[in-house]
Amino acid sequence: MVTGADKQKLSEGERFNSFFLIPCKPTKTNGGRTRNLKEHDPNKWEVL
């Protein structure tokens, strides 16, 4: 039986990686940082 749970886990992992592990461009909006840390979005850290 295929439930799609694996596909959901994969997409959540990809979002986590792209937000927290891949460097981001420094902008005025993000305060010039090049990395998103747990402190920058604790809700997203807990969900993912």
PDB file of N, CA and C in Angstrom:
ATOM      1  N   MET A   1       0.845  -1.189   0.000  1.00  0.00           N
ATOM      2  CA  MET A   1       0.000   0.000   0.000  1.00  0.00           C
ATOM      3  C   MET A   1       0.886   1.247   0.000  1.00  0.00           C
ATOM      4  N   VAL A   2       0.625   2.140  -0.874  1.00  0.00           N
ATOM      5  CA  VAL A   2       1.396   3.373  -0.994  1.00  0.00           C
ATOM      6  C   VAL A   2       0.576   4.518  -0.408  1.00  0.00           C
ATOM      7  N   THR A   3       1.158   5.210   0.573  1.00  0.00           N
ATOM      8  CA  THR A   3       0.410   6.285   1.232  1.00  0.00           C
ATOM      9  C   THR A   3       0.886   7.678   0.846  1.00  0.00           C
ATOM     10  N   GLY A   4       2.064   7.774   0.275  1.00  0.00           N
ATOM     11  CA  GLY A   4       2.598   9.091  -0.078  1.00  0.00           C
ATOM     12  C   GLY A   4       3.396   9.725   1.043  1.00  0.00           C
ATOM     13  N   ALA A   5       3.549   9.023   2.169  1.00  0.00           N
ATOM     14  CA  ALA A   5       4.280   9.585   3.306  1.00  0.00           C
ATOM     15  C   ALA A   5       5.738   9.845   2.943  1.00  0.00           C
ATOM     16  N   ASP A   6       6.343   8.952   2.172  1.00  0.00           N
ATOM     17  CA  ASP A   6       7.735   9.150   1.769  1.00  0.00           C
ATOM     18  C   ASP A   6       7.900  10.406   0.933  1.00  0.00           C
ATOM     19  N   LYS A   7       6.944  10.654   0.053  1.00  0.00           N
ATOM     20  CA  LYS A   7       7.002  11.839  -0.798  1.00  0.00           C
ATOM     21  C   LYS A   7       6.892  13.106   0.054  1.00  0.00           C
ATOM     22  N   GLN A   8       6.030  13.082   1.069  1.00  0.00           N
ATOM     23  CA  GLN A   8       5.860  14.236   1.958  1.00  0.00           C
ATOM     24  C   GLN A   8       7.136  14.483   2.748  1.00  0.00           C
ATOM     25  N   LYS A   9       7.762  13.430   3.259  1.00  0.00           N
ATOM     26  CA  LYS A   9       9.010  13.579   4.009  1.00  0.00           C
ATOM     27  C   LYS A   9      10.094  14.177   3.125  1.00  0.00           C
ATOM     28  N   LEU A  10      10.161  13.738   1.882  1.00  0.00           N
ATOM     29  CA  LEU A  10      11.163  14.234   0.951  1.00  0.00           C
ATOM     30  C   LEU A  10      10.989  15.726   0.708  1.00  0.00           C
ATOM     31  N   SER A  11       9.751  16.177   0.490  1.00  0.00           N
ATOM     32  CA  SER A  11       9.539  17.599   0.220  1.00  0.00           C
ATOM     33  C   SER A  11       9.825  18.442   1.465  1.00  0.00           C
ATOM     34  N   GLU A  12       9.501  17.937   2.649  1.00  0.00           N
ATOM     35  CA  GLU A  12       9.809  18.674   3.881  1.00  0.00           C
ATOM     36  C   GLU A  12      11.314  18.783   4.065  1.00  0.00           C
ATOM     37  N   GLY A  13      12.031  17.712   3.782  1.00  0.00           N
ATOM     38  CA  GLY A  13      13.485  17.724   3.898  1.00  0.00           C
ATOM     39  C   GLY A  13      14.124  18.697   2.921  1.00  0.00           C
ATOM     40  N   GLU A  14      13.594  18.746   1.717  1.00  0.00           N
ATOM     41  CA  GLU A  14      14.122  19.678   0.715  1.00  0.00           C
ATOM     42  C   GLU A  14      13.909  21.118   1.155  1.00  0.00           C
ATOM     43  N   ARG A  15      12.732  21.434   1.720  1.00  0.00           N
ATOM     44  CA  ARG A  15      12.469  22.796   2.196  1.00  0.00           C
ATOM     45  C   ARG A  15      13.399  23.141   3.356  1.00  0.00           C
ATOM     46  N   PHE A  16      13.609  22.187   4.255  1.00  0.00           N
ATOM     47  CA  PHE A  16      14.510  22.404   5.385  1.00  0.00           C
ATOM     48  C   PHE A  16      15.916  22.704   4.882  1.00  0.00           C
ATOM     49  N   ASN A  17      16.402  21.867   3.984  1.00  0.00           N
ATOM     50  CA  ASN A  17      17.750  22.056   3.439  1.00  0.00           C
ATOM     51  C   ASN A  17      17.890  23.394   2.742  1.00  0.00           C
ATOM     52  N   SER A  18      16.919  23.738   1.920  1.00  0.00           N
ATOM     53  CA  SER A  18      17.048  24.984   1.166  1.00  0.00           C
ATOM     54  C   SER A  18      16.982  26.203   2.086  1.00  0.00           C
ATOM     55  N   PHE A  19      16.255  26.129   3.173  1.00  0.00           N
ATOM     56  CA  PHE A  19      16.148  27.292   4.057  1.00  0.00           C
ATOM     57  C   PHE A  19      17.316  27.377   5.040  1.00  0.00           C
ATOM     58  N   PHE A  20      17.685  26.273   5.671  1.00  0.00           N
ATOM     59  CA  PHE A  20      18.674  26.335   6.744  1.00  0.00           C
ATOM     60  C   PHE A  20      20.096  25.954   6.337  1.00  0.00           C
ATOM     61  N   LEU A  21      20.291  25.168   5.306  1.00  0.00           N
ATOM     62  CA  LEU A  21      21.626  24.679   5.000  1.00  0.00           C
ATOM     63  C   LEU A  21      22.291  25.354   3.805  1.00  0.00           C
ATOM     64  N   ILE A  22      21.498  25.849   2.879  1.00  0.00           N
ATOM     65  CA  ILE A  22      22.060  26.492   1.696  1.00  0.00           C
ATOM     66  C   ILE A  22      22.211  27.991   1.968  1.00  0.00           C
ATOM     67  N   PRO A  23      23.390  28.557   1.684  1.00  0.00           N
ATOM     68  CA  PRO A  23      23.569  29.997   1.920  1.00  0.00           C
ATOM     69  C   PRO A  23      22.544  30.829   1.149  1.00  0.00           C
ATOM     70  N   CYS A  24      22.151  31.941   1.757  1.00  0.00           N
ATOM     71  CA  CYS A  24      21.202  32.842   1.101  1.00  0.00           C
ATOM     72  C   CYS A  24      21.909  34.155   0.765  1.00  0.00           C
ATOM     73  N   LYS A  25      21.310  34.900  -0.144  1.00  0.00           N
ATOM     74  CA  LYS A  25      21.886  36.189  -0.518  1.00  0.00           C
ATOM     75  C   LYS A  25      21.584  37.222   0.567  1.00  0.00           C
ATOM     76  N   PRO A  26      22.582  38.004   0.951  1.00  0.00           N
ATOM     77  CA  PRO A  26      22.318  39.052   1.944  1.00  0.00           C
ATOM     78  C   PRO A  26      21.453  40.165   1.344  1.00  0.00           C
ATOM     79  N   THR A  27      20.375  40.496   2.037  1.00  0.00           N
ATOM     80  CA  THR A  27      19.479  41.562   1.591  1.00  0.00           C
ATOM     81  C   THR A  27      19.124  42.442   2.785  1.00  0.00           C
ATOM     82  N   LYS A  28      18.491  43.559   2.503  1.00  0.00           N
ATOM     83  CA  LYS A  28      18.025  44.431   3.585  1.00  0.00           C
ATOM     84  C   LYS A  28      16.964  43.723   4.418  1.00  0.00           C
ATOM     85  N   THR A  29      16.108  42.956   3.752  1.00  0.00           N
ATOM     86  CA  THR A  29      15.016  42.267   4.430  1.00  0.00           C
ATOM     87  C   THR A  29      15.522  41.262   5.462  1.00  0.00           C
ATOM     88  N   ASN A  30      16.569  40.512   5.114  1.00  0.00           N
ATOM     89  CA  ASN A  30      17.075  39.513   6.053  1.00  0.00           C
ATOM     90  C   ASN A  30      18.233  40.031   6.908  1.00  0.00           C
ATOM     91  N   GLY A  31      18.471  41.318   6.891  1.00  0.00           N
ATOM     92  CA  GLY A  31      19.502  41.911   7.747  1.00  0.00           C
ATOM     93  C   GLY A  31      20.920  41.689   7.265  1.00  0.00           C
ATOM     94  N   GLY A  32      21.100  41.290   6.016  1.00  0.00           N
ATOM     95  CA  GLY A  32      22.431  41.108   5.457  1.00  0.00           C
ATOM     96  C   GLY A  32      23.066  39.771   5.800  1.00  0.00           C
ATOM     97  N   ARG A  33      22.306  38.840   6.344  1.00  0.00           N
ATOM     98  CA  ARG A  33      22.896  37.548   6.706  1.00  0.00           C
ATOM     99  C   ARG A  33      23.035  36.652   5.476  1.00  0.00           C
ATOM    100  N   THR A  34      23.974  35.729   5.554  1.00  0.00           N
ATOM    101  CA  THR A  34      24.187  34.788   4.463  1.00  0.00           C
ATOM    102  C   THR A  34      23.738  33.375   4.830  1.00  0.00           C
ATOM    103  N   ARG A  35      23.305  33.183   6.066  1.00  0.00           N
ATOM    104  CA  ARG A  35      22.788  31.884   6.522  1.00  0.00           C
ATOM    105  C   ARG A  35      21.535  32.105   7.359  1.00  0.00           C
ATOM    106  N   ASN A  36      20.563  31.242   7.218  1.00  0.00           N
ATOM    107  CA  ASN A  36      19.385  31.244   8.075  1.00  0.00           C
ATOM    108  C   ASN A  36      19.645  30.257   9.205  1.00  0.00           C
ATOM    109  N   LEU A  37      19.541  30.727  10.418  1.00  0.00           N
ATOM    110  CA  LEU A  37      19.763  29.885  11.581  1.00  0.00           C
ATOM    111  C   LEU A  37      18.452  29.596  12.285  1.00  0.00           C
ATOM    112  N   LYS A  38      18.513  28.689  13.233  1.00  0.00           N
ATOM    113  CA  LYS A  38      17.333  28.302  14.006  1.00  0.00           C
ATOM    114  C   LYS A  38      16.658  29.519  14.643  1.00  0.00           C
ATOM    115  N   GLU A  39      17.444  30.472  15.090  1.00  0.00           N
ATOM    116  CA  GLU A  39      16.919  31.673  15.741  1.00  0.00           C
ATOM    117  C   GLU A  39      16.149  32.578  14.778  1.00  0.00           C
ATOM    118  N   HIS A  40      16.434  32.480  13.491  1.00  0.00           N
ATOM    119  CA  HIS A  40      15.792  33.342  12.507  1.00  0.00           C
ATOM    120  C   HIS A  40      14.352  32.928  12.215  1.00  0.00           C
ATOM    121  N   ASP A  41      14.041  31.655  12.379  1.00  0.00           N
ATOM    122  CA  ASP A  41      12.664  31.181  12.163  1.00  0.00           C
ATOM    123  C   ASP A  41      12.422  29.929  13.004  1.00  0.00           C
ATOM    124  N   PRO A  42      12.229  30.089  14.319  1.00  0.00           N
ATOM    125  CA  PRO A  42      12.050  28.929  15.191  1.00  0.00           C
ATOM    126  C   PRO A  42      10.833  28.082  14.844  1.00  0.00           C
ATOM    127  N   ASN A  43       9.769  28.690  14.326  1.00  0.00           N
ATOM    128  CA  ASN A  43       8.588  27.914  13.958  1.00  0.00           C
ATOM    129  C   ASN A  43       8.871  26.958  12.811  1.00  0.00           C
ATOM    130  N   LYS A  44       9.582  27.439  11.805  1.00  0.00           N
ATOM    131  CA  LYS A  44       9.924  26.582  10.662  1.00  0.00           C
ATOM    132  C   LYS A  44      10.880  25.477  11.109  1.00  0.00           C
ATOM    133  N   TRP A  45      11.790  25.789  12.047  1.00  0.00           N
ATOM    134  CA  TRP A  45      12.725  24.797  12.551  1.00  0.00           C
ATOM    135  C   TRP A  45      11.967  23.652  13.240  1.00  0.00           C
ATOM    136  N   GLU A  46      10.947  23.989  14.032  1.00  0.00           N
ATOM    137  CA  GLU A  46      10.178  22.971  14.749  1.00  0.00           C
ATOM    138  C   GLU A  46       9.309  22.136  13.813  1.00  0.00           C
ATOM    139  N   VAL A  47       8.712  22.773  12.829  1.00  0.00           N
ATOM    140  CA  VAL A  47       7.818  22.061  11.910  1.00  0.00           C
ATOM    141  C   VAL A  47       8.600  21.111  11.030  1.00  0.00           C
ATOM    142  N   LEU A  48       9.715  21.567  10.501  1.00  0.00           N
ATOM    143  CA  LEU A  48      10.481  20.726   9.601  1.00  0.00           C
ATOM    144  C   LEU A  48      11.410  19.872  10.404  1.00  0.00           C
TER     145      LEU A  48
END
